[in-house]
Amino acid sequence: MKSAGTYLVGGAVRDDLLGVKAVEHDWVVVGSTPDEMLDQGFKQVGASFPVFLHPKNGDEYALARTEKKQGHGYHGFKVDFHPDVTLEEDLQRRDLTINAMARGEDGKLVDPYGGQRDLEQRFLRHVSDAFVEDPLRVLRVARFAARFAHLGFRVHPSTLALMGEITRSGELEHLAAERIWREIELAMKTGKPSEFVSVLRDCGALQVLLPEVNVLFGVPQPEKYHPEIDSGVHLLMALDAAAERANGNAVIVFAVLLHDLGKGLTPPQDWPSHIGHEATGVPLVDAVCKRMKAPNAMHDLARKVCAYHLDCHRLLEAKPVTVLRLLERLDVFRQPTLVDDFVVACEADYRGRKGLRDRPYPQGDYLKRAYRAVADIRARDLDLSGVSGPEVGERLRQARVEAITQLSK
C-alpha cells in the first residue's frame, strides 16, 4: 500500500488517544529522499539512517525505513530507507502496537497493527516477531509497564514470552552499558518503578542485568521490622515509596534500588538477620554503578544511602556528636542539596514495608534541622585566640555539636 506524505507517529499519537499531553512530536516522511528533505531546509542529524530536524520547530522527521537484523547489538541492522518503503512497513518495525500508530495530515488514524485496541484493553503487545531482533526492547517494555502502570497497563503474555526468549538467547549481553543505563534512568523517573523491576524479573532479564538486585527476592528479613519479610518485596515497596516523594528525581529512586544489596550476601544460616549489610553492600553498589556507567551524582547518593540508611533510622537515639559525624560522612557541607535527597531515600526505605507506608519519619526532619543549625557555623566566626592547627578544626566541631545539642528532638 503506497501512502506518500508526512505522518505524526509513535508516542504523540498514543498519548493523544490516552488523553495525555505529548512531550515530543516525531514524524515519518513517506516517498521522499534525503536530498529532497535538505532542499526543504531540514537539517540532517542521522548517520546510519536519515533523521532530520524541522527548520522552525526542531521536531524530528525521519524517512520511512525498514530494518533487518544482521548481527549483534544496536548496530547489527541493515537499514533501508528508499522512497518505496510504505508507512505500514515503517510502523511494523516498531516495538509495541501502541507505538505503531500514525496520524496523517488529514487527521485520519492509521492503525494497521491494533494499537488502538490494545490501548483500550491496556496491553503492551509486540507488533511482530521482529520484536526479538532488538534486545533493548526488553528494557523498553519494562519501562513502559512502569510508566503506564497507573492506567492499568500490563505486558501481554505473548510479549513477555518473547522477552524471555531474548533473555535466554544471550542478546542482552551485547547491549551497550549506555543504552541499558538510559532505560534504567527513565524507569526511575516513572510513578511505579517497582513494575520495571518486576517485569524484568518475570522474563529473567533482572538476573542478567542486575543480578545483585535479583538475588534479594526470597531472602527473609526479621518480621519485627519488615512485616513483608521478603527482601525483594521490601525493595519493590521502597521503590514506589521513593517515587511518590522524589518528584521524578531518578537520583533518589536509583539510590533506593541499590540500598539493600548487602542482604543478598548474607549466608542463609544467618537469616533472617542481616548484621552489617550496609557495609557489605557498598562494594556491590560500586560494581553496579561502574558496570552501568552511572553518573557520579547517582553513584555518590546510592553509595551513601546504602552505607548510612540505618544510621538515619536510629538518629533520634543518637548523641549530637554522632549526628554531626553522619553529616560529615554525607559531605553535606560541600553538597548541601544532598541532605534532602538522602532523607527522602531513607524515608522511602523506612516506609516501604507492609502496613507501614504512612508512618511518620521524624528522623528525617531532625537531620535536616541539625544541618541547618550547623551549616552557617564557620571557623572564621569563632573566637580562636591562641588556637592553631588541628585545634581549629576541633573547636569548629565542638561548636557544631553544641548547636545540635540545643535542638529539641
Protein backbone atom coordinates (compact mmCIF):
# COMPACT_ATOMS: atom_id res chain seq x y z
CA MET A 1 0.00 0.00 0.00
CA LYS A 2 1.57 3.27 -1.11
CA SER A 3 0.91 6.12 1.34
CA ALA A 4 3.18 9.04 0.45
CA GLY A 5 3.13 12.03 2.75
CA THR A 6 4.03 13.12 6.26
CA TYR A 7 2.64 11.39 9.35
CA LEU A 8 2.75 12.02 13.07
CA VAL A 9 3.87 8.74 14.63
CA GLY A 10 4.60 6.90 17.84
CA GLY A 11 4.26 8.38 21.30
CA ALA A 12 2.48 11.56 20.28
CA VAL A 13 -0.34 9.57 18.65
CA ARG A 14 -0.52 7.16 21.58
CA ASP A 15 -0.60 9.92 24.17
CA ASP A 16 -3.27 11.84 22.29
CA LEU A 17 -5.53 8.79 22.31
CA LEU A 18 -4.85 8.36 26.04
CA GLY A 19 -5.65 12.00 26.71
CA VAL A 20 -2.07 12.65 27.83
CA LYS A 21 -0.07 15.69 26.77
CA ALA A 22 2.69 14.59 24.39
CA VAL A 23 6.21 15.75 25.22
CA GLU A 24 7.71 15.18 21.77
CA HIS A 25 6.35 15.04 18.25
CA ASP A 26 8.03 12.68 15.81
CA TRP A 27 7.17 12.43 12.15
CA VAL A 28 7.69 9.93 9.34
CA VAL A 29 8.03 11.06 5.76
CA VAL A 30 6.97 8.52 3.14
CA GLY A 31 8.09 8.69 -0.51
CA SER A 32 10.92 11.18 -0.07
CA THR A 33 14.72 11.22 -0.21
CA PRO A 34 17.50 12.86 1.83
CA ASP A 35 18.18 15.38 -0.94
CA GLU A 36 14.52 16.41 -1.06
CA MET A 37 14.48 16.93 2.72
CA LEU A 38 17.64 19.04 2.60
CA ASP A 39 16.21 21.10 -0.25
CA GLN A 40 13.27 21.98 2.02
CA GLY A 41 15.60 23.36 4.68
CA PHE A 42 15.70 20.37 7.04
CA LYS A 43 18.95 19.68 8.92
CA GLN A 44 20.15 16.09 8.80
CA VAL A 45 21.22 14.57 12.13
CA GLY A 46 21.09 10.83 11.41
CA ALA A 47 24.08 8.93 10.09
CA SER A 48 23.00 5.28 9.72
CA PHE A 49 19.55 6.38 8.59
CA PRO A 50 18.32 9.86 7.67
CA VAL A 51 16.70 11.77 10.50
CA PHE A 52 16.09 15.48 10.06
CA LEU A 53 15.22 18.43 12.26
CA HIS A 54 12.47 20.78 11.15
CA PRO A 55 13.97 24.19 10.33
CA LYS A 56 11.48 26.06 12.52
CA ASN A 57 10.20 23.94 15.42
CA GLY A 58 13.00 21.38 15.78
CA ASP A 59 10.70 18.33 15.54
CA GLU A 60 12.30 15.12 14.26
CA TYR A 61 11.35 13.92 10.79
CA ALA A 62 12.60 10.50 9.68
CA LEU A 63 12.32 8.90 6.27
CA ALA A 64 10.21 5.75 6.31
CA ARG A 65 12.53 2.79 6.73
CA THR A 66 12.79 -0.93 7.26
CA GLU A 67 15.39 -2.74 9.37
CA LYS A 68 16.79 -6.25 9.09
CA LYS A 69 18.87 -7.91 11.77
CA GLN A 70 22.35 -8.92 10.60
CA GLY A 71 24.46 -9.06 13.74
CA HIS A 72 24.60 -8.47 17.48
CA GLY A 73 23.75 -5.28 19.30
CA TYR A 74 22.39 -1.91 18.25
CA HIS A 75 24.50 -1.63 15.10
CA GLY A 76 23.67 -5.10 13.81
CA PHE A 77 20.90 -3.89 11.48
CA LYS A 78 20.66 -3.24 7.76
CA VAL A 79 18.54 -0.14 7.25
CA ASP A 80 16.62 0.57 4.04
CA PHE A 81 15.04 3.99 3.51
CA HIS A 82 14.32 4.14 -0.21
CA PRO A 83 11.22 6.13 -1.32
CA ASP A 84 9.17 2.96 -1.90
CA VAL A 85 9.13 2.00 1.80
CA THR A 86 5.49 2.25 2.92
CA LEU A 87 4.14 3.69 6.14
CA GLU A 88 2.88 0.25 7.15
CA GLU A 89 6.36 -1.22 6.68
CA ASP A 90 7.85 1.54 8.79
CA LEU A 91 5.31 1.03 11.57
CA GLN A 92 5.85 -2.74 11.51
CA ARG A 93 9.48 -2.37 12.72
CA ARG A 94 8.35 -0.61 15.93
CA ASP A 95 8.27 -2.29 19.31
CA LEU A 96 4.69 -2.14 20.61
CA THR A 97 1.36 -1.83 18.87
CA ILE A 98 0.50 1.26 20.93
CA ASN A 99 3.63 2.89 19.47
CA ALA A 100 2.91 1.72 15.91
CA MET A 101 0.10 4.12 15.04
CA ALA A 102 0.24 7.21 12.84
CA ARG A 103 -1.95 10.17 12.06
CA GLY A 104 -1.98 11.73 8.61
CA GLU A 105 -2.10 15.40 7.77
CA ASP A 106 -5.84 14.96 7.28
CA GLY A 107 -6.17 13.79 10.90
CA LYS A 108 -7.02 10.21 9.97
CA LEU A 109 -5.64 7.50 12.25
CA VAL A 110 -3.52 4.80 10.62
CA ASP A 111 -3.50 1.71 12.84
CA PRO A 112 -2.56 -1.44 10.91
CA TYR A 113 -1.47 -3.48 13.95
CA GLY A 114 -4.23 -2.95 16.50
CA GLY A 115 -2.67 -0.28 18.67
CA GLN A 116 -5.97 1.40 19.49
CA ARG A 117 -7.45 -1.94 20.54
CA ASP A 118 -4.51 -2.58 22.85
CA LEU A 119 -4.82 0.91 24.31
CA GLU A 120 -8.42 0.14 25.20
CA GLN A 121 -7.53 -3.29 26.61
CA ARG A 122 -4.45 -1.87 28.39
CA PHE A 123 -2.00 -4.30 26.79
CA LEU A 124 1.65 -3.76 25.95
CA ARG A 125 1.90 -6.09 22.96
CA HIS A 126 4.65 -6.53 20.36
CA VAL A 127 3.93 -5.61 16.75
CA SER A 128 5.58 -8.62 15.12
CA ASP A 129 8.06 -11.42 15.74
CA ALA A 130 10.78 -8.97 14.64
CA PHE A 131 10.45 -7.70 18.21
CA VAL A 132 13.19 -10.17 19.21
CA GLU A 133 15.74 -8.53 16.92
CA ASP A 134 16.44 -5.63 19.30
CA PRO A 135 17.26 -6.77 22.87
CA LEU A 136 16.84 -3.23 24.20
CA ARG A 137 13.10 -3.77 23.80
CA VAL A 138 13.14 -5.94 26.92
CA LEU A 139 14.03 -2.87 28.97
CA ARG A 140 11.80 -0.55 26.98
CA VAL A 141 8.72 -2.70 27.56
CA ALA A 142 9.52 -2.93 31.27
CA ARG A 143 9.87 0.85 31.36
CA PHE A 144 6.55 1.35 29.58
CA ALA A 145 4.96 -1.02 32.09
CA ALA A 146 6.25 1.23 34.89
CA ARG A 147 5.25 4.41 33.12
CA PHE A 148 1.68 3.32 32.40
CA ALA A 149 1.05 1.14 35.43
CA HIS A 150 -1.24 3.78 36.93
CA LEU A 151 -3.52 3.37 33.90
CA GLY A 152 -3.70 -0.40 34.33
CA PHE A 153 -1.38 -1.44 31.50
CA ARG A 154 0.26 -4.85 31.64
CA VAL A 155 2.60 -6.78 29.37
CA HIS A 156 0.76 -9.22 27.12
CA PRO A 157 1.73 -12.84 27.89
CA SER A 158 2.93 -13.43 24.33
CA THR A 159 5.21 -10.40 24.54
CA LEU A 160 6.56 -11.47 27.92
CA ALA A 161 7.35 -14.84 26.36
CA LEU A 162 9.36 -13.14 23.60
CA MET A 163 11.20 -11.07 26.21
CA GLY A 164 12.17 -14.33 27.90
CA GLU A 165 13.33 -15.69 24.55
CA ILE A 166 15.57 -12.64 24.04
CA THR A 167 16.98 -13.07 27.53
CA ARG A 168 17.79 -16.74 27.03
CA SER A 169 19.43 -16.01 23.67
CA GLY A 170 22.19 -14.02 25.36
CA GLU A 171 21.46 -10.90 23.29
CA LEU A 172 21.13 -8.71 26.37
CA GLU A 173 24.84 -9.18 26.95
CA HIS A 174 25.57 -7.35 23.70
CA LEU A 175 23.78 -4.18 24.76
CA ALA A 176 25.96 -1.16 25.38
CA ALA A 177 26.02 -0.06 29.01
CA GLU A 178 24.93 3.44 27.99
CA ARG A 179 21.74 2.12 26.39
CA ILE A 180 20.91 -0.03 29.41
CA TRP A 181 21.56 2.88 31.73
CA ARG A 182 19.30 5.21 29.75
CA GLU A 183 16.35 2.86 30.19
CA ILE A 184 17.07 2.36 33.91
CA GLU A 185 17.27 6.11 34.47
CA LEU A 186 14.00 6.73 32.66
CA ALA A 187 12.33 3.91 34.61
CA MET A 188 13.44 5.50 37.88
CA LYS A 189 11.50 8.63 36.88
CA THR A 190 8.19 6.80 36.48
CA GLY A 191 5.39 6.64 39.01
CA LYS A 192 5.83 2.92 39.66
CA PRO A 193 9.46 1.84 39.24
CA SER A 194 8.68 -1.43 41.03
CA GLU A 195 6.89 -2.55 37.87
CA PHE A 196 10.09 -2.10 35.87
CA VAL A 197 11.91 -4.44 38.25
CA SER A 198 9.05 -6.93 38.37
CA VAL A 199 8.70 -7.21 34.59
CA LEU A 200 12.45 -7.69 34.16
CA ARG A 201 12.34 -10.38 36.82
CA ASP A 202 9.34 -12.11 35.21
CA CYS A 203 11.21 -12.58 31.93
CA GLY A 204 14.55 -13.48 33.52
CA ALA A 205 16.29 -10.26 32.48
CA LEU A 206 16.83 -8.97 36.01
CA GLN A 207 19.19 -11.87 36.71
CA VAL A 208 21.22 -10.91 33.64
CA LEU A 209 21.23 -7.13 34.03
CA LEU A 210 21.08 -6.64 37.79
CA PRO A 211 21.87 -9.95 39.50
CA GLU A 212 22.69 -8.07 42.71
CA VAL A 213 19.05 -6.95 42.86
CA ASN A 214 17.56 -10.20 41.63
CA VAL A 215 19.14 -12.23 44.43
CA LEU A 216 17.23 -10.24 47.06
CA PHE A 217 13.97 -11.99 46.19
CA GLY A 218 13.36 -14.88 48.55
CA VAL A 219 15.79 -13.60 51.17
CA PRO A 220 13.92 -13.21 54.51
CA GLN A 221 14.22 -10.33 56.98
CA PRO A 222 13.10 -10.06 60.63
CA GLU A 223 9.30 -9.79 60.64
CA LYS A 224 9.50 -7.37 63.59
CA TYR A 225 10.96 -4.70 61.33
CA HIS A 226 9.78 -5.99 57.97
CA PRO A 227 6.24 -7.41 58.10
CA GLU A 228 6.55 -8.18 54.37
CA ILE A 229 9.54 -10.43 55.29
CA ASP A 230 10.93 -10.87 51.76
CA SER A 231 13.83 -8.51 50.95
CA GLY A 232 12.80 -8.28 47.32
CA VAL A 233 9.21 -7.39 48.18
CA HIS A 234 10.53 -4.71 50.54
CA LEU A 235 12.64 -3.30 47.71
CA LEU A 236 9.61 -3.01 45.43
CA MET A 237 7.62 -1.23 48.14
CA ALA A 238 10.52 1.11 48.92
CA LEU A 239 10.95 1.99 45.24
CA ASP A 240 7.34 3.09 44.92
CA ALA A 241 7.52 4.98 48.21
CA ALA A 242 10.53 6.82 46.82
CA ALA A 243 8.74 7.59 43.55
CA GLU A 244 5.85 9.15 45.48
CA ARG A 245 8.18 11.63 47.18
CA ALA A 246 11.00 12.11 44.69
CA ASN A 247 9.02 14.17 42.14
CA GLY A 248 10.70 12.44 39.21
CA ASN A 249 14.20 12.65 40.71
CA ALA A 250 15.84 9.48 39.37
CA VAL A 251 18.89 10.03 41.58
CA ILE A 252 16.84 9.31 44.71
CA VAL A 253 14.93 6.33 43.33
CA PHE A 254 18.08 4.72 41.94
CA ALA A 255 19.70 5.02 45.37
CA VAL A 256 16.74 3.14 46.85
CA LEU A 257 17.07 0.46 44.16
CA LEU A 258 20.56 -0.34 45.47
CA HIS A 259 20.19 0.42 49.18
CA ASP A 260 19.89 -3.18 50.43
CA LEU A 261 22.25 -5.08 48.13
CA GLY A 262 24.26 -6.32 51.10
CA LYS A 263 21.37 -8.53 52.19
CA GLY A 264 22.00 -10.68 49.14
CA LEU A 265 25.38 -11.64 50.61
CA THR A 266 24.11 -12.79 54.00
CA PRO A 267 24.75 -16.53 54.48
CA PRO A 268 21.43 -18.44 54.70
CA GLN A 269 22.38 -19.78 58.12
CA ASP A 270 22.29 -16.19 59.43
CA TRP A 271 18.82 -15.40 58.07
CA PRO A 272 16.64 -13.51 58.80
CA SER A 273 19.24 -11.16 60.38
CA HIS A 274 21.49 -9.08 58.14
CA ILE A 275 24.02 -7.58 60.52
CA GLY A 276 26.42 -5.27 58.71
CA HIS A 277 24.59 -5.42 55.39
CA GLU A 278 25.12 -1.69 54.92
CA ALA A 279 28.92 -2.06 54.72
CA THR A 280 28.88 -5.25 52.66
CA GLY A 281 26.51 -3.64 50.19
CA VAL A 282 28.75 -0.69 49.30
CA PRO A 283 31.15 -2.67 47.06
CA LEU A 284 28.13 -4.07 45.22
CA VAL A 285 26.80 -0.54 44.68
CA ASP A 286 30.20 0.41 43.28
CA ALA A 287 30.19 -2.61 40.97
CA VAL A 288 26.69 -1.90 39.60
CA CYS A 289 27.41 1.78 39.01
CA LYS A 290 30.70 1.02 37.29
CA ARG A 291 29.12 -1.63 35.08
CA MET A 292 26.20 0.61 34.14
CA LYS A 293 28.36 3.72 33.82
CA ALA A 294 26.04 5.59 36.16
CA PRO A 295 26.70 9.33 36.55
CA ASN A 296 28.84 10.32 39.52
CA ALA A 297 25.97 12.05 41.33
CA MET A 298 23.83 8.92 41.21
CA HIS A 299 26.70 6.71 42.31
CA ASP A 300 27.50 9.05 45.19
CA LEU A 301 23.99 9.13 46.65
CA ALA A 302 23.46 5.39 46.14
CA ARG A 303 26.69 4.68 48.00
CA LYS A 304 25.76 6.92 50.91
CA VAL A 305 22.19 5.65 51.22
CA CYS A 306 23.47 2.07 51.24
CA ALA A 307 26.10 2.83 53.87
CA TYR A 308 24.15 5.12 56.21
CA HIS A 309 20.39 4.48 55.91
CA LEU A 310 20.27 2.62 59.23
CA ASP A 311 22.19 5.46 60.90
CA CYS A 312 19.45 7.81 59.78
CA HIS A 313 16.72 5.50 61.09
CA ARG A 314 18.39 5.48 64.55
CA LEU A 315 19.03 9.21 64.66
CA LEU A 316 16.58 10.05 67.44
CA GLU A 317 18.57 7.87 69.83
CA ALA A 318 21.95 9.18 68.67
CA LYS A 319 24.22 11.57 70.53
CA PRO A 320 24.77 15.03 68.95
CA VAL A 321 28.34 14.11 68.05
CA THR A 322 27.01 11.07 66.17
CA VAL A 323 24.56 13.25 64.26
CA LEU A 324 27.40 15.57 63.26
CA ARG A 325 29.51 12.60 62.20
CA LEU A 326 26.74 11.46 59.87
CA LEU A 327 26.52 14.92 58.33
CA GLU A 328 30.28 14.91 57.81
CA ARG A 329 30.24 11.46 56.22
CA LEU A 330 27.50 12.58 53.87
CA ASP A 331 29.74 15.52 52.89
CA VAL A 332 26.78 17.89 53.10
CA PHE A 333 28.93 20.92 53.87
CA ARG A 334 30.18 20.71 50.30
CA GLN A 335 26.96 19.24 48.86
CA PRO A 336 24.11 20.93 50.75
CA THR A 337 21.33 19.66 48.45
CA LEU A 338 22.30 16.09 49.29
CA VAL A 339 20.61 16.30 52.71
CA ASP A 340 17.10 16.41 51.29
CA ASP A 341 17.78 13.65 48.74
CA PHE A 342 19.32 11.41 51.40
CA VAL A 343 16.35 11.91 53.73
CA VAL A 344 13.80 11.11 51.01
CA ALA A 345 15.63 7.88 50.17
CA CYS A 346 15.90 6.82 53.81
CA GLU A 347 12.24 7.68 54.41
CA ALA A 348 11.27 5.51 51.44
CA ASP A 349 13.18 2.59 52.97
CA TYR A 350 11.53 3.21 56.34
CA ARG A 351 8.01 3.37 54.90
CA GLY A 352 8.40 0.75 52.20
CA ARG A 353 7.14 -2.01 54.45
CA LYS A 354 3.85 -3.85 54.77
CA GLY A 355 1.32 -1.81 56.73
CA LEU A 356 3.83 0.97 57.49
CA ARG A 357 3.51 3.12 54.41
CA ASP A 358 2.17 6.17 56.25
CA ARG A 359 4.16 6.04 59.45
CA PRO A 360 5.93 9.28 60.37
CA TYR A 361 9.64 9.74 59.85
CA PRO A 362 10.76 12.42 62.33
CA GLN A 363 14.34 11.27 61.92
CA GLY A 364 14.48 12.94 58.55
CA ASP A 365 13.22 16.25 59.85
CA TYR A 366 15.71 16.07 62.72
CA LEU A 367 18.64 15.51 60.36
CA LYS A 368 17.61 18.48 58.23
CA ARG A 369 17.21 20.71 61.28
CA ALA A 370 20.60 19.59 62.54
CA TYR A 371 22.17 20.51 59.24
CA ARG A 372 20.52 23.94 59.23
CA ALA A 373 21.75 24.51 62.78
CA VAL A 374 25.40 23.90 61.89
CA ALA A 375 25.60 24.90 58.22
CA ASP A 376 26.49 28.53 58.91
CA ILE A 377 28.98 27.88 61.70
CA ARG A 378 32.41 28.61 60.25
CA ALA A 379 35.82 28.67 61.85
CA ARG A 380 36.26 32.31 60.92
CA ASP A 381 33.25 33.23 63.09
CA LEU A 382 34.64 31.63 66.26
CA ASP A 383 36.92 33.06 68.92
CA LEU A 384 40.12 31.22 68.12
CA SER A 385 42.50 33.31 70.21
CA GLY A 386 45.61 31.30 70.88
CA VAL A 387 44.35 28.37 68.83
CA SER A 388 46.03 26.98 65.72
CA GLY A 389 46.48 23.84 63.68
CA PRO A 390 44.25 20.83 64.40
CA GLU A 391 42.71 22.64 67.37
CA VAL A 392 40.87 24.96 64.98
CA GLY A 393 39.01 22.03 63.48
CA GLU A 394 38.24 20.62 66.91
CA ARG A 395 36.83 23.96 68.09
CA LEU A 396 34.64 24.08 64.98
CA ARG A 397 33.34 20.57 65.65
CA GLN A 398 32.63 21.46 69.30
CA ALA A 399 30.62 24.49 68.21
CA ARG A 400 28.61 22.41 65.79
CA VAL A 401 27.98 19.67 68.35
CA GLU A 402 26.74 22.30 70.78
CA ALA A 403 24.36 23.71 68.15
CA ILE A 404 22.90 20.24 67.58
CA THR A 405 22.64 19.72 71.36
CA GLN A 406 20.41 22.77 71.59
CA LEU A 407 17.88 21.24 69.21
CA SER A 408 14.77 19.64 70.60
CA LYS A 409 14.27 16.25 69.01
